[in-house]
């Protein structure tokens, strides 16, 4: 009889053949490692995504950032509130729409982001070191195709 206390002895059946299941397991592993690397910054993968978009696209509205990341627009308010309370991001009136706020990194946020990226790259290296030469662009391409796929409605 199998020792069901060890995941090595469990028969995963169809799960071992499902891309979605494997992606989820990989995501959990990557997010846990991200947390270990970035917990001292108080930043989650979701917050890092927002910061990265703001850093490269100063002046985008909260709605544009939510759309770019595929996030719920209503959740952006609490995300921005948190980043603003950390003095990393600041809201300014949008030049194109007075009803919206544009987001910018603060001077502290610019320094913070550079330090954060250095730690994120260490985290990333722990996973990309598992790949053979030339596989990183391949896996990025495959994941992009999966992420951008819009299944036909039945």
N, C-alpha and C. Protein backbone atom coordinates (compact mmCIF):
# COMPACT_ATOMS: atom_id res chain seq x y z
N UNK A 1 0.83 -1.18 0.00
CA UNK A 1 0.00 0.00 0.00
C UNK A 1 0.88 1.25 0.00
N UNK A 2 0.49 2.27 -0.76
CA UNK A 2 1.26 3.50 -0.89
C UNK A 2 1.22 4.30 0.40
N UNK A 3 2.32 4.96 0.67
CA UNK A 3 2.39 5.88 1.81
C UNK A 3 1.74 7.19 1.38
N UNK A 4 0.50 7.41 1.77
CA UNK A 4 -0.23 8.58 1.33
C UNK A 4 0.18 9.85 2.06
N UNK A 5 1.19 9.75 2.92
CA UNK A 5 1.72 10.94 3.57
C UNK A 5 2.79 11.61 2.73
N UNK A 6 3.19 10.99 1.65
CA UNK A 6 4.23 11.53 0.78
C UNK A 6 3.62 11.82 -0.59
N UNK A 7 3.79 13.06 -1.08
CA UNK A 7 3.23 13.43 -2.38
C UNK A 7 3.88 12.64 -3.51
N UNK A 8 5.07 12.09 -3.26
CA UNK A 8 5.74 11.30 -4.30
C UNK A 8 5.01 9.99 -4.57
N UNK A 9 4.23 9.52 -3.60
CA UNK A 9 3.52 8.25 -3.74
C UNK A 9 2.08 8.40 -4.21
N UNK A 10 1.65 9.62 -4.43
CA UNK A 10 0.27 9.85 -4.82
C UNK A 10 0.16 9.77 -6.34
N UNK A 11 -0.84 9.08 -6.81
CA UNK A 11 -1.13 9.01 -8.25
C UNK A 11 -2.02 10.21 -8.59
N UNK A 12 -1.50 11.13 -9.35
CA UNK A 12 -2.23 12.35 -9.69
C UNK A 12 -3.17 12.16 -10.88
N UNK A 13 -3.10 10.99 -11.51
CA UNK A 13 -4.03 10.70 -12.60
C UNK A 13 -4.02 11.76 -13.68
N UNK A 14 -5.20 12.19 -14.06
CA UNK A 14 -5.35 13.15 -15.15
C UNK A 14 -4.66 14.49 -14.85
N UNK A 15 -4.53 14.83 -13.57
CA UNK A 15 -3.92 16.11 -13.21
C UNK A 15 -2.53 16.27 -13.81
N UNK A 16 -1.76 15.17 -13.87
CA UNK A 16 -0.41 15.25 -14.43
C UNK A 16 -0.38 15.52 -15.93
N UNK A 17 -1.53 15.49 -16.57
CA UNK A 17 -1.59 15.75 -18.02
C UNK A 17 -2.24 17.08 -18.35
N UNK A 18 -2.72 17.80 -17.34
CA UNK A 18 -3.47 19.05 -17.58
C UNK A 18 -2.56 20.28 -17.47
N UNK A 19 -2.51 21.05 -18.54
CA UNK A 19 -1.71 22.27 -18.57
C UNK A 19 -2.15 23.23 -17.46
N UNK A 20 -3.45 23.39 -17.28
CA UNK A 20 -3.95 24.30 -16.26
C UNK A 20 -3.49 23.91 -14.86
N UNK A 21 -3.52 22.62 -14.57
CA UNK A 21 -3.08 22.16 -13.26
C UNK A 21 -1.59 22.43 -13.07
N UNK A 22 -0.80 22.14 -14.08
CA UNK A 22 0.65 22.35 -13.99
C UNK A 22 0.98 23.85 -13.88
N UNK A 23 0.22 24.68 -14.61
CA UNK A 23 0.43 26.13 -14.49
C UNK A 23 0.12 26.61 -13.08
N UNK A 24 -0.95 26.11 -12.51
CA UNK A 24 -1.34 26.51 -11.16
C UNK A 24 -0.29 26.09 -10.14
N UNK A 25 0.21 24.87 -10.25
CA UNK A 25 1.26 24.40 -9.33
C UNK A 25 2.52 25.25 -9.48
N UNK A 26 2.87 25.57 -10.72
CA UNK A 26 4.05 26.41 -10.96
C UNK A 26 3.83 27.81 -10.39
N UNK A 27 2.63 28.35 -10.59
CA UNK A 27 2.32 29.69 -10.08
C UNK A 27 2.42 29.74 -8.56
N UNK A 28 1.89 28.74 -7.89
CA UNK A 28 1.95 28.71 -6.43
C UNK A 28 3.41 28.69 -5.97
N UNK A 29 4.21 27.86 -6.60
CA UNK A 29 5.62 27.75 -6.24
C UNK A 29 6.35 29.08 -6.49
N UNK A 30 6.09 29.69 -7.62
CA UNK A 30 6.74 30.96 -7.95
C UNK A 30 6.26 32.07 -7.01
N UNK A 31 4.97 32.14 -6.74
CA UNK A 31 4.45 33.18 -5.84
C UNK A 31 5.01 33.02 -4.42
N UNK A 32 5.12 31.77 -3.95
CA UNK A 32 5.69 31.54 -2.62
C UNK A 32 7.13 32.02 -2.55
N UNK A 33 7.90 31.73 -3.59
CA UNK A 33 9.30 32.17 -3.62
C UNK A 33 9.38 33.69 -3.74
N UNK A 34 8.50 34.28 -4.53
CA UNK A 34 8.45 35.74 -4.65
C UNK A 34 8.22 36.35 -3.27
N UNK A 35 7.29 35.78 -2.52
CA UNK A 35 6.99 36.28 -1.17
C UNK A 35 8.20 36.20 -0.26
N UNK A 36 8.94 35.09 -0.35
CA UNK A 36 10.15 34.96 0.47
C UNK A 36 11.16 36.04 0.13
N UNK A 37 11.30 36.34 -1.15
CA UNK A 37 12.28 37.34 -1.59
C UNK A 37 11.81 38.77 -1.30
N UNK A 38 10.52 39.03 -1.42
CA UNK A 38 10.04 40.41 -1.41
C UNK A 38 9.19 40.79 -0.21
N UNK A 39 9.03 39.90 0.76
CA UNK A 39 8.18 40.21 1.91
C UNK A 39 8.73 41.41 2.69
N UNK A 40 10.03 41.57 2.75
CA UNK A 40 10.59 42.72 3.49
C UNK A 40 10.22 44.05 2.84
N UNK A 41 9.86 44.01 1.56
CA UNK A 41 9.42 45.22 0.87
C UNK A 41 7.92 45.48 1.05
N UNK A 42 7.18 44.47 1.51
CA UNK A 42 5.74 44.60 1.63
C UNK A 42 5.03 44.57 0.29
N UNK A 43 5.64 43.89 -0.67
CA UNK A 43 5.12 43.89 -2.04
C UNK A 43 4.73 42.47 -2.45
N UNK A 44 3.55 42.35 -3.02
CA UNK A 44 3.05 41.09 -3.57
C UNK A 44 3.31 41.08 -5.08
N UNK A 45 3.15 39.93 -5.73
CA UNK A 45 3.29 39.92 -7.19
C UNK A 45 2.34 40.90 -7.87
N UNK A 46 1.12 41.03 -7.36
CA UNK A 46 0.15 41.96 -7.96
C UNK A 46 0.60 43.41 -7.83
N UNK A 47 1.10 43.78 -6.66
CA UNK A 47 1.60 45.14 -6.47
C UNK A 47 2.82 45.40 -7.35
N UNK A 48 3.66 44.38 -7.50
CA UNK A 48 4.84 44.53 -8.36
C UNK A 48 4.41 44.79 -9.80
N UNK A 49 3.37 44.11 -10.24
CA UNK A 49 2.87 44.33 -11.60
C UNK A 49 2.43 45.77 -11.80
N UNK A 50 1.69 46.29 -10.85
CA UNK A 50 1.24 47.69 -10.94
C UNK A 50 2.43 48.63 -10.95
N UNK A 51 3.38 48.42 -10.03
CA UNK A 51 4.56 49.29 -9.98
C UNK A 51 5.34 49.26 -11.28
N UNK A 52 5.46 48.08 -11.87
CA UNK A 52 6.22 47.96 -13.12
C UNK A 52 5.57 48.73 -14.26
N UNK A 53 4.24 48.67 -14.32
CA UNK A 53 3.53 49.42 -15.36
C UNK A 53 3.66 50.92 -15.11
N UNK A 54 3.50 51.35 -13.86
CA UNK A 54 3.61 52.78 -13.53
C UNK A 54 5.02 53.27 -13.83
N UNK A 55 6.02 52.48 -13.48
CA UNK A 55 7.42 52.89 -13.70
C UNK A 55 7.70 53.12 -15.18
N UNK A 56 7.21 52.24 -16.02
CA UNK A 56 7.48 52.34 -17.47
C UNK A 56 6.51 53.26 -18.20
N UNK A 57 5.38 53.59 -17.57
CA UNK A 57 4.33 54.38 -18.23
C UNK A 57 3.79 55.44 -17.28
N UNK A 58 4.64 56.37 -16.82
CA UNK A 58 4.15 57.38 -15.88
C UNK A 58 2.99 58.17 -16.49
N UNK A 59 1.97 58.39 -15.66
CA UNK A 59 0.83 59.18 -16.12
C UNK A 59 -0.34 58.37 -16.60
N UNK A 60 -0.22 57.05 -16.63
CA UNK A 60 -1.39 56.24 -17.00
C UNK A 60 -2.44 56.33 -15.91
N UNK A 61 -3.68 56.19 -16.29
CA UNK A 61 -4.76 56.20 -15.30
C UNK A 61 -4.85 54.84 -14.63
N UNK A 62 -5.52 54.81 -13.49
CA UNK A 62 -5.74 53.55 -12.77
C UNK A 62 -6.48 52.56 -13.65
N UNK A 63 -7.45 53.04 -14.42
CA UNK A 63 -8.22 52.17 -15.30
C UNK A 63 -7.34 51.56 -16.38
N UNK A 64 -6.47 52.37 -16.98
CA UNK A 64 -5.57 51.87 -18.03
C UNK A 64 -4.63 50.80 -17.47
N UNK A 65 -4.16 51.01 -16.26
CA UNK A 65 -3.26 50.03 -15.63
C UNK A 65 -4.01 48.74 -15.33
N UNK A 66 -5.21 48.86 -14.79
CA UNK A 66 -6.03 47.67 -14.51
C UNK A 66 -6.27 46.89 -15.80
N UNK A 67 -6.61 47.58 -16.88
CA UNK A 67 -6.85 46.92 -18.16
C UNK A 67 -5.59 46.25 -18.68
N UNK A 68 -4.45 46.92 -18.55
CA UNK A 68 -3.18 46.36 -19.04
C UNK A 68 -2.83 45.07 -18.32
N UNK A 69 -3.15 45.00 -17.03
CA UNK A 69 -2.81 43.83 -16.23
C UNK A 69 -3.92 42.80 -16.17
N UNK A 70 -5.07 43.12 -16.76
CA UNK A 70 -6.20 42.20 -16.71
C UNK A 70 -6.82 42.12 -15.32
N UNK A 71 -6.70 43.21 -14.57
CA UNK A 71 -7.23 43.26 -13.20
C UNK A 71 -8.60 43.91 -13.19
N UNK A 72 -9.32 43.65 -12.11
CA UNK A 72 -10.60 44.28 -11.89
C UNK A 72 -10.36 45.76 -11.57
N UNK A 73 -11.02 46.62 -12.30
CA UNK A 73 -10.84 48.07 -12.14
C UNK A 73 -11.16 48.52 -10.72
N UNK A 74 -12.18 47.95 -10.12
CA UNK A 74 -12.59 48.37 -8.78
C UNK A 74 -11.53 48.01 -7.73
N UNK A 75 -10.75 46.98 -7.97
CA UNK A 75 -9.71 46.58 -7.02
C UNK A 75 -8.51 47.53 -7.05
N UNK A 76 -8.40 48.30 -8.11
CA UNK A 76 -7.25 49.20 -8.25
C UNK A 76 -7.23 50.28 -7.18
N UNK A 77 -8.38 50.72 -6.72
CA UNK A 77 -8.41 51.79 -5.73
C UNK A 77 -7.66 51.36 -4.47
N UNK A 78 -7.93 50.16 -3.97
CA UNK A 78 -7.24 49.71 -2.75
C UNK A 78 -5.76 49.46 -3.01
N UNK A 79 -5.42 48.99 -4.20
CA UNK A 79 -4.01 48.78 -4.56
C UNK A 79 -3.27 50.11 -4.56
N UNK A 80 -3.85 51.10 -5.21
CA UNK A 80 -3.21 52.41 -5.27
C UNK A 80 -3.17 53.05 -3.88
N UNK A 81 -4.23 52.89 -3.10
CA UNK A 81 -4.22 53.40 -1.73
C UNK A 81 -3.04 52.83 -0.95
N UNK A 82 -2.83 51.54 -1.10
CA UNK A 82 -1.72 50.89 -0.38
C UNK A 82 -0.37 51.43 -0.84
N UNK A 83 -0.17 51.52 -2.16
CA UNK A 83 1.10 52.02 -2.68
C UNK A 83 1.31 53.49 -2.33
N UNK A 84 0.23 54.24 -2.30
CA UNK A 84 0.31 55.65 -1.93
C UNK A 84 0.67 55.78 -0.44
N UNK A 85 0.09 54.94 0.41
CA UNK A 85 0.39 55.00 1.84
C UNK A 85 1.84 54.62 2.13
N UNK A 86 2.46 53.87 1.21
CA UNK A 86 3.87 53.50 1.35
C UNK A 86 4.79 54.55 0.74
N UNK A 87 4.20 55.64 0.22
CA UNK A 87 4.95 56.73 -0.43
C UNK A 87 5.75 56.23 -1.64
N UNK A 88 5.14 55.31 -2.38
CA UNK A 88 5.79 54.76 -3.58
C UNK A 88 5.16 55.34 -4.84
N UNK A 89 3.84 55.52 -4.79
CA UNK A 89 3.08 56.02 -5.93
C UNK A 89 2.29 57.23 -5.48
N UNK A 90 2.11 58.17 -6.43
CA UNK A 90 1.24 59.31 -6.15
C UNK A 90 0.24 59.48 -7.27
N UNK A 91 -0.96 59.91 -6.89
CA UNK A 91 -2.02 60.22 -7.84
C UNK A 91 -1.94 61.70 -8.17
N UNK A 92 -2.14 61.99 -9.45
CA UNK A 92 -2.27 63.37 -9.90
C UNK A 92 -3.45 63.42 -10.86
N UNK A 93 -4.10 64.56 -10.98
CA UNK A 93 -5.20 64.64 -11.96
C UNK A 93 -4.69 64.28 -13.35
N UNK A 94 -5.48 63.50 -14.07
CA UNK A 94 -5.11 63.10 -15.43
C UNK A 94 -5.21 64.29 -16.37
N UNK A 95 -4.23 64.43 -17.24
CA UNK A 95 -4.23 65.51 -18.22
C UNK A 95 -5.32 65.31 -19.26
N UNK A 96 -5.69 64.04 -19.51
CA UNK A 96 -6.66 63.75 -20.57
C UNK A 96 -8.09 63.58 -20.07
N UNK A 97 -8.27 63.34 -18.76
CA UNK A 97 -9.61 63.11 -18.22
C UNK A 97 -9.64 63.59 -16.77
N UNK A 98 -10.28 64.71 -16.54
CA UNK A 98 -10.28 65.30 -15.20
C UNK A 98 -10.95 64.42 -14.16
N UNK A 99 -11.76 63.46 -14.59
CA UNK A 99 -12.42 62.55 -13.65
C UNK A 99 -11.50 61.43 -13.18
N UNK A 100 -10.36 61.28 -13.82
CA UNK A 100 -9.44 60.17 -13.52
C UNK A 100 -8.16 60.69 -12.88
N UNK A 101 -7.47 59.76 -12.25
CA UNK A 101 -6.18 60.06 -11.67
C UNK A 101 -5.09 59.35 -12.46
N UNK A 102 -4.00 60.07 -12.71
CA UNK A 102 -2.82 59.49 -13.34
C UNK A 102 -1.86 59.08 -12.22
N UNK A 103 -1.12 58.02 -12.46
CA UNK A 103 -0.21 57.50 -11.44
C UNK A 103 1.25 57.71 -11.83
N UNK A 104 2.02 58.06 -10.82
CA UNK A 104 3.46 58.31 -10.98
C UNK A 104 4.20 57.73 -9.79
N UNK A 105 5.43 57.29 -10.01
CA UNK A 105 6.27 56.92 -8.87
C UNK A 105 6.73 58.19 -8.17
N UNK A 106 6.80 58.14 -6.87
CA UNK A 106 7.37 59.25 -6.10
C UNK A 106 8.90 59.14 -6.21
N UNK A 107 9.62 60.17 -5.80
CA UNK A 107 11.09 60.03 -5.77
C UNK A 107 11.52 58.82 -4.92
N UNK A 108 10.88 58.64 -3.76
CA UNK A 108 11.16 57.46 -2.93
C UNK A 108 10.79 56.18 -3.70
N UNK A 109 9.68 56.22 -4.42
CA UNK A 109 9.22 55.07 -5.19
C UNK A 109 10.22 54.66 -6.27
N UNK A 110 10.88 55.61 -6.88
CA UNK A 110 11.87 55.29 -7.92
C UNK A 110 13.04 54.52 -7.32
N UNK A 111 13.52 54.94 -6.17
CA UNK A 111 14.62 54.23 -5.49
C UNK A 111 14.13 52.86 -5.01
N UNK A 112 12.97 52.85 -4.39
CA UNK A 112 12.35 51.63 -3.89
C UNK A 112 12.22 50.61 -5.02
N UNK A 113 11.72 51.06 -6.17
CA UNK A 113 11.48 50.15 -7.30
C UNK A 113 12.79 49.52 -7.78
N UNK A 114 13.86 50.31 -7.86
CA UNK A 114 15.16 49.76 -8.30
C UNK A 114 15.65 48.68 -7.35
N UNK A 115 15.52 48.91 -6.05
CA UNK A 115 15.92 47.91 -5.06
C UNK A 115 15.04 46.66 -5.16
N UNK A 116 13.76 46.88 -5.36
CA UNK A 116 12.82 45.77 -5.49
C UNK A 116 13.13 44.93 -6.73
N UNK A 117 13.41 45.58 -7.85
CA UNK A 117 13.72 44.85 -9.08
C UNK A 117 14.96 43.98 -8.90
N UNK A 118 15.95 44.48 -8.20
CA UNK A 118 17.16 43.67 -7.96
C UNK A 118 16.79 42.38 -7.23
N UNK A 119 15.89 42.47 -6.25
CA UNK A 119 15.46 41.28 -5.51
C UNK A 119 14.58 40.38 -6.38
N UNK A 120 13.71 40.97 -7.19
CA UNK A 120 12.85 40.18 -8.07
C UNK A 120 13.71 39.41 -9.08
N UNK A 121 14.77 40.02 -9.56
CA UNK A 121 15.65 39.33 -10.52
C UNK A 121 16.38 38.15 -9.87
N UNK A 122 16.71 38.26 -8.59
CA UNK A 122 17.29 37.11 -7.87
C UNK A 122 16.26 35.98 -7.81
N UNK A 123 15.04 36.35 -7.46
CA UNK A 123 13.94 35.37 -7.42
C UNK A 123 13.77 34.71 -8.78
N UNK A 124 13.73 35.51 -9.83
CA UNK A 124 13.54 34.99 -11.19
C UNK A 124 14.67 34.04 -11.59
N UNK A 125 15.88 34.38 -11.19
CA UNK A 125 17.04 33.54 -11.54
C UNK A 125 16.94 32.16 -10.92
N UNK A 126 16.31 32.06 -9.75
CA UNK A 126 16.19 30.74 -9.12
C UNK A 126 15.32 29.81 -9.96
N UNK A 127 14.43 30.35 -10.77
CA UNK A 127 13.59 29.52 -11.63
C UNK A 127 14.16 29.39 -13.03
N UNK A 128 14.69 30.47 -13.58
CA UNK A 128 15.23 30.37 -14.94
C UNK A 128 16.48 29.52 -14.98
N UNK A 129 17.14 29.32 -13.82
CA UNK A 129 18.32 28.44 -13.79
C UNK A 129 17.92 26.99 -14.07
N UNK A 130 16.64 26.66 -13.93
CA UNK A 130 16.16 25.31 -14.21
C UNK A 130 16.01 25.06 -15.71
N UNK A 131 16.02 26.13 -16.49
CA UNK A 131 15.78 26.01 -17.93
C UNK A 131 17.09 25.82 -18.68
N UNK A 132 17.00 25.12 -19.79
CA UNK A 132 18.15 24.97 -20.68
C UNK A 132 18.30 26.23 -21.51
N UNK A 133 19.47 26.38 -22.11
CA UNK A 133 19.72 27.54 -22.96
C UNK A 133 18.65 27.65 -24.05
N UNK A 134 18.10 28.84 -24.21
CA UNK A 134 17.09 29.09 -25.24
C UNK A 134 15.66 28.78 -24.81
N UNK A 135 15.47 28.19 -23.63
CA UNK A 135 14.12 27.82 -23.21
C UNK A 135 13.32 28.98 -22.62
N UNK A 136 14.01 29.97 -22.03
CA UNK A 136 13.26 31.07 -21.43
C UNK A 136 12.40 31.80 -22.46
N UNK A 137 12.96 32.22 -23.62
CA UNK A 137 12.08 32.87 -24.60
C UNK A 137 10.96 31.95 -25.08
N UNK A 138 11.23 30.67 -25.14
CA UNK A 138 10.22 29.71 -25.58
C UNK A 138 9.08 29.62 -24.56
N UNK A 139 9.40 29.51 -23.29
CA UNK A 139 8.34 29.40 -22.28
C UNK A 139 7.58 30.71 -22.16
N UNK A 140 8.27 31.84 -22.30
CA UNK A 140 7.59 33.14 -22.28
C UNK A 140 6.60 33.21 -23.44
N UNK A 141 7.01 32.77 -24.61
CA UNK A 141 6.12 32.77 -25.77
C UNK A 141 4.92 31.85 -25.55
N UNK A 142 5.15 30.66 -25.04
CA UNK A 142 4.05 29.73 -24.80
C UNK A 142 3.07 30.29 -23.77
N UNK A 143 3.59 30.86 -22.69
CA UNK A 143 2.72 31.43 -21.66
C UNK A 143 1.95 32.63 -22.19
N UNK A 144 2.59 33.45 -23.03
CA UNK A 144 1.88 34.57 -23.65
C UNK A 144 0.71 34.08 -24.49
N UNK A 145 0.93 33.03 -25.27
CA UNK A 145 -0.14 32.51 -26.10
C UNK A 145 -1.29 31.98 -25.25
N UNK A 146 -0.97 31.30 -24.17
CA UNK A 146 -2.02 30.79 -23.28
C UNK A 146 -2.74 31.95 -22.59
N UNK A 147 -1.98 32.93 -22.11
CA UNK A 147 -2.58 34.06 -21.39
C UNK A 147 -3.48 34.89 -22.30
N UNK A 148 -3.16 34.97 -23.57
CA UNK A 148 -3.92 35.81 -24.50
C UNK A 148 -5.01 35.06 -25.26
N UNK A 149 -5.12 33.75 -25.03
CA UNK A 149 -6.13 32.95 -25.71
C UNK A 149 -7.53 33.29 -25.18
N UNK A 150 -8.43 33.51 -26.08
CA UNK A 150 -9.83 33.76 -25.73
C UNK A 150 -10.64 32.59 -26.24
N UNK A 151 -10.94 31.62 -25.36
CA UNK A 151 -11.71 30.45 -25.81
C UNK A 151 -13.07 30.84 -26.36
N UNK A 152 -13.51 30.12 -27.37
CA UNK A 152 -14.83 30.35 -27.95
C UNK A 152 -15.89 29.99 -26.91
N UNK A 153 -16.91 30.83 -26.83
CA UNK A 153 -18.02 30.54 -25.89
C UNK A 153 -18.88 29.45 -26.47
N UNK A 154 -19.33 28.58 -25.59
CA UNK A 154 -20.14 27.45 -26.05
C UNK A 154 -21.60 27.69 -25.83
